[in-house]
N, C-alpha and C. Protein backbone atom coordinates (compact mmCIF):
# COMPACT_ATOMS: atom_id res chain seq x y z
N UNK A 1 0.86 -1.16 0.04
CA UNK A 1 -0.01 0.01 0.00
C UNK A 1 0.90 1.25 0.07
N UNK A 2 0.74 2.07 -1.04
CA UNK A 2 1.59 3.32 -1.12
C UNK A 2 0.98 4.43 -0.27
N UNK A 3 -0.30 4.74 -0.40
CA UNK A 3 -0.92 5.85 0.27
C UNK A 3 -2.44 5.65 0.44
N UNK A 4 -2.97 6.33 1.37
CA UNK A 4 -4.52 6.39 1.46
C UNK A 4 -5.00 7.66 1.02
N UNK A 5 -5.90 7.68 0.17
CA UNK A 5 -6.58 8.84 -0.34
C UNK A 5 -7.91 9.06 0.25
N UNK A 6 -8.17 10.25 0.75
CA UNK A 6 -9.46 10.56 1.39
C UNK A 6 -10.11 11.76 0.66
N UNK A 7 -11.34 11.63 0.22
CA UNK A 7 -12.08 12.72 -0.43
C UNK A 7 -13.43 12.89 0.22
N UNK A 8 -13.69 14.12 0.65
CA UNK A 8 -14.91 14.52 1.24
C UNK A 8 -15.65 15.42 0.37
N UNK A 9 -16.88 15.14 0.00
CA UNK A 9 -17.69 15.97 -0.90
C UNK A 9 -18.79 16.60 0.05
N UNK A 10 -18.66 17.80 0.43
CA UNK A 10 -19.77 18.47 1.36
C UNK A 10 -21.07 18.66 0.66
N UNK A 11 -21.06 18.96 -0.62
CA UNK A 11 -22.32 19.14 -1.40
C UNK A 11 -23.06 17.79 -1.53
N UNK A 12 -22.30 16.83 -1.91
CA UNK A 12 -22.88 15.44 -2.10
C UNK A 12 -22.99 14.64 -0.87
N UNK A 13 -22.44 15.14 0.26
CA UNK A 13 -22.46 14.52 1.55
C UNK A 13 -21.94 13.00 1.46
N UNK A 14 -20.70 12.96 0.88
CA UNK A 14 -20.11 11.67 0.80
C UNK A 14 -18.70 11.71 1.17
N UNK A 15 -18.18 10.55 1.66
CA UNK A 15 -16.68 10.41 2.00
C UNK A 15 -16.23 9.18 1.24
N UNK A 16 -15.08 9.40 0.44
CA UNK A 16 -14.54 8.33 -0.33
C UNK A 16 -13.16 8.05 0.29
N UNK A 17 -12.78 6.83 0.58
CA UNK A 17 -11.47 6.41 1.09
C UNK A 17 -10.93 5.32 0.11
N UNK A 18 -9.73 5.56 -0.44
CA UNK A 18 -9.08 4.66 -1.31
C UNK A 18 -7.84 4.06 -0.66
N UNK A 19 -7.62 2.74 -0.67
CA UNK A 19 -6.46 2.11 -0.17
C UNK A 19 -5.50 1.75 -1.34
N UNK A 20 -5.99 1.84 -2.55
CA UNK A 20 -5.17 1.57 -3.68
C UNK A 20 -5.52 2.55 -4.83
N UNK A 21 -4.99 2.49 -5.99
CA UNK A 21 -5.22 3.32 -7.09
C UNK A 21 -6.74 3.29 -7.50
N UNK A 22 -7.41 4.30 -7.51
CA UNK A 22 -8.86 4.37 -7.92
C UNK A 22 -9.05 3.88 -9.35
N UNK A 23 -8.03 3.96 -10.17
CA UNK A 23 -8.09 3.49 -11.51
C UNK A 23 -8.24 1.99 -11.69
N UNK A 24 -7.99 1.26 -10.62
CA UNK A 24 -8.12 -0.12 -10.60
C UNK A 24 -9.58 -0.61 -10.33
N UNK A 25 -10.46 0.36 -10.03
CA UNK A 25 -11.73 0.02 -9.66
C UNK A 25 -12.50 -0.71 -10.89
N UNK A 26 -13.05 -1.87 -10.54
CA UNK A 26 -13.76 -2.67 -11.63
C UNK A 26 -15.14 -3.09 -11.16
N UNK A 27 -15.31 -3.15 -9.85
CA UNK A 27 -16.62 -3.61 -9.29
C UNK A 27 -17.06 -2.65 -8.15
N UNK A 28 -18.24 -2.36 -8.08
CA UNK A 28 -18.87 -1.65 -6.91
C UNK A 28 -19.99 -2.56 -6.23
N UNK A 29 -19.90 -2.58 -4.94
CA UNK A 29 -20.89 -3.45 -4.27
C UNK A 29 -21.50 -2.63 -3.13
N UNK A 30 -22.81 -2.61 -3.17
CA UNK A 30 -23.54 -1.89 -2.08
C UNK A 30 -23.68 -2.77 -0.86
N UNK A 31 -23.53 -2.26 0.30
CA UNK A 31 -23.64 -3.14 1.47
C UNK A 31 -25.03 -3.00 2.12
N UNK A 32 -25.80 -2.06 1.76
CA UNK A 32 -27.13 -1.87 2.25
C UNK A 32 -27.12 -0.85 3.47
N UNK A 33 -25.94 -0.42 3.84
CA UNK A 33 -25.89 0.47 5.04
C UNK A 33 -25.27 1.83 4.59
N UNK A 34 -25.63 2.26 3.33
CA UNK A 34 -25.12 3.50 2.77
C UNK A 34 -23.65 3.50 2.61
N UNK A 35 -23.02 2.30 2.37
CA UNK A 35 -21.69 2.11 2.12
C UNK A 35 -21.56 1.34 0.87
N UNK A 36 -20.66 1.85 -0.04
CA UNK A 36 -20.37 1.14 -1.36
C UNK A 36 -18.85 0.77 -1.27
N UNK A 37 -18.67 -0.58 -1.49
CA UNK A 37 -17.28 -1.08 -1.56
C UNK A 37 -16.78 -1.04 -2.98
N UNK A 38 -15.60 -0.48 -3.24
CA UNK A 38 -15.05 -0.49 -4.53
C UNK A 38 -13.91 -1.61 -4.56
N UNK A 39 -14.08 -2.43 -5.70
CA UNK A 39 -13.19 -3.56 -5.63
C UNK A 39 -12.41 -3.63 -7.01
N UNK A 40 -11.18 -4.31 -7.00
CA UNK A 40 -10.41 -4.50 -8.20
C UNK A 40 -11.04 -5.65 -8.98
N UNK A 41 -10.38 -6.08 -10.05
CA UNK A 41 -10.84 -7.17 -10.89
C UNK A 41 -10.79 -8.55 -10.14
N UNK A 42 -9.89 -8.65 -9.12
CA UNK A 42 -9.86 -9.89 -8.40
C UNK A 42 -10.81 -9.98 -7.16
N UNK A 43 -11.54 -8.85 -6.96
CA UNK A 43 -12.56 -8.81 -5.91
C UNK A 43 -11.93 -8.26 -4.65
N UNK A 44 -10.66 -7.74 -4.60
CA UNK A 44 -10.02 -7.16 -3.45
C UNK A 44 -10.63 -5.76 -3.25
N UNK A 45 -10.99 -5.44 -2.00
CA UNK A 45 -11.56 -4.11 -1.68
C UNK A 45 -10.44 -3.20 -1.75
N UNK A 46 -10.54 -2.05 -2.53
CA UNK A 46 -9.51 -1.04 -2.74
C UNK A 46 -10.02 0.22 -2.19
N UNK A 47 -11.31 0.38 -1.78
CA UNK A 47 -11.83 1.61 -1.30
C UNK A 47 -13.25 1.46 -0.91
N UNK A 48 -13.73 2.52 -0.33
CA UNK A 48 -15.26 2.52 -0.09
C UNK A 48 -15.72 3.97 -0.10
N UNK A 49 -17.02 4.00 -0.26
CA UNK A 49 -17.70 5.36 -0.22
C UNK A 49 -18.80 5.27 0.88
N UNK A 50 -18.86 6.30 1.71
CA UNK A 50 -19.85 6.40 2.77
C UNK A 50 -20.95 7.53 2.26
N UNK A 51 -22.06 7.10 1.99
CA UNK A 51 -23.16 8.11 1.56
C UNK A 51 -23.79 8.69 2.82
N UNK A 52 -24.36 9.95 2.55
CA UNK A 52 -24.93 10.65 3.64
C UNK A 52 -23.96 10.91 4.83
N UNK A 53 -22.78 11.22 4.45
CA UNK A 53 -21.73 11.47 5.51
C UNK A 53 -21.78 13.01 5.80
N UNK A 54 -21.96 13.33 6.99
CA UNK A 54 -21.85 14.82 7.43
C UNK A 54 -20.88 14.97 8.45
N UNK A 55 -19.97 16.00 8.39
CA UNK A 55 -19.02 16.41 9.33
C UNK A 55 -19.72 17.36 10.30
N UNK A 56 -19.62 17.25 11.51
CA UNK A 56 -20.29 18.18 12.48
C UNK A 56 -19.54 19.48 12.68
N UNK A 57 -19.30 20.12 11.49
CA UNK A 57 -18.49 21.39 11.54
C UNK A 57 -19.39 22.46 10.81
N UNK A 58 -19.42 23.56 11.34
CA UNK A 58 -20.37 24.64 10.70
C UNK A 58 -19.72 25.47 9.72
N UNK A 59 -18.34 25.70 9.84
CA UNK A 59 -17.69 26.45 8.81
C UNK A 59 -17.04 25.55 7.76
N UNK A 60 -16.91 26.14 6.54
CA UNK A 60 -16.32 25.33 5.44
C UNK A 60 -14.88 24.96 5.76
N UNK A 61 -14.52 23.71 5.24
CA UNK A 61 -13.23 23.14 5.38
C UNK A 61 -12.37 23.42 4.16
N UNK A 62 -11.15 23.75 4.39
CA UNK A 62 -10.15 23.85 3.33
C UNK A 62 -9.49 22.61 3.17
N UNK A 63 -9.37 21.87 4.26
CA UNK A 63 -8.68 20.47 4.27
C UNK A 63 -9.45 19.65 5.27
N UNK A 64 -9.38 18.35 5.19
CA UNK A 64 -9.81 17.45 6.10
C UNK A 64 -8.85 16.99 7.13
N UNK A 65 -8.99 17.25 8.44
CA UNK A 65 -7.93 16.73 9.28
C UNK A 65 -8.00 15.27 9.51
N UNK A 66 -6.89 14.57 9.26
CA UNK A 66 -6.75 13.18 9.36
C UNK A 66 -5.56 12.80 10.08
N UNK A 67 -5.59 11.55 10.55
CA UNK A 67 -4.37 10.99 11.15
C UNK A 67 -4.26 9.59 10.53
N UNK A 68 -3.08 9.23 9.98
CA UNK A 68 -2.91 7.98 9.30
C UNK A 68 -1.72 7.32 10.09
N UNK A 69 -1.96 6.01 10.42
CA UNK A 69 -0.95 5.34 11.10
C UNK A 69 -0.63 4.03 10.33
N UNK A 70 0.43 3.75 9.89
CA UNK A 70 0.81 2.52 9.13
C UNK A 70 1.52 1.58 10.19
N UNK A 71 0.94 0.41 10.19
CA UNK A 71 1.58 -0.60 11.07
C UNK A 71 2.47 -1.63 10.40
C-alpha cells in the first residue's frame, strides 16, 4: 500500500477512502448500510464510499484533518 486517499464532498455528503489506485476499480458493491465497496478485478476491496456523511462542523473546510498510522 503506497498511500491512502480521502475525499470529502460536502455538497454530495459523501466520503471516499481509497487504499489503492482508484483507476483499478472494476466492481462496486452496495452493502445496504449506505456504504459502497470498490473492488479491483480480483474482488479485493480497494476503497469505500460512505453516503450521507456529514461532518459536524459549521464552517467550510479547506482540508480534512486526518491521522494515518501505518503498522
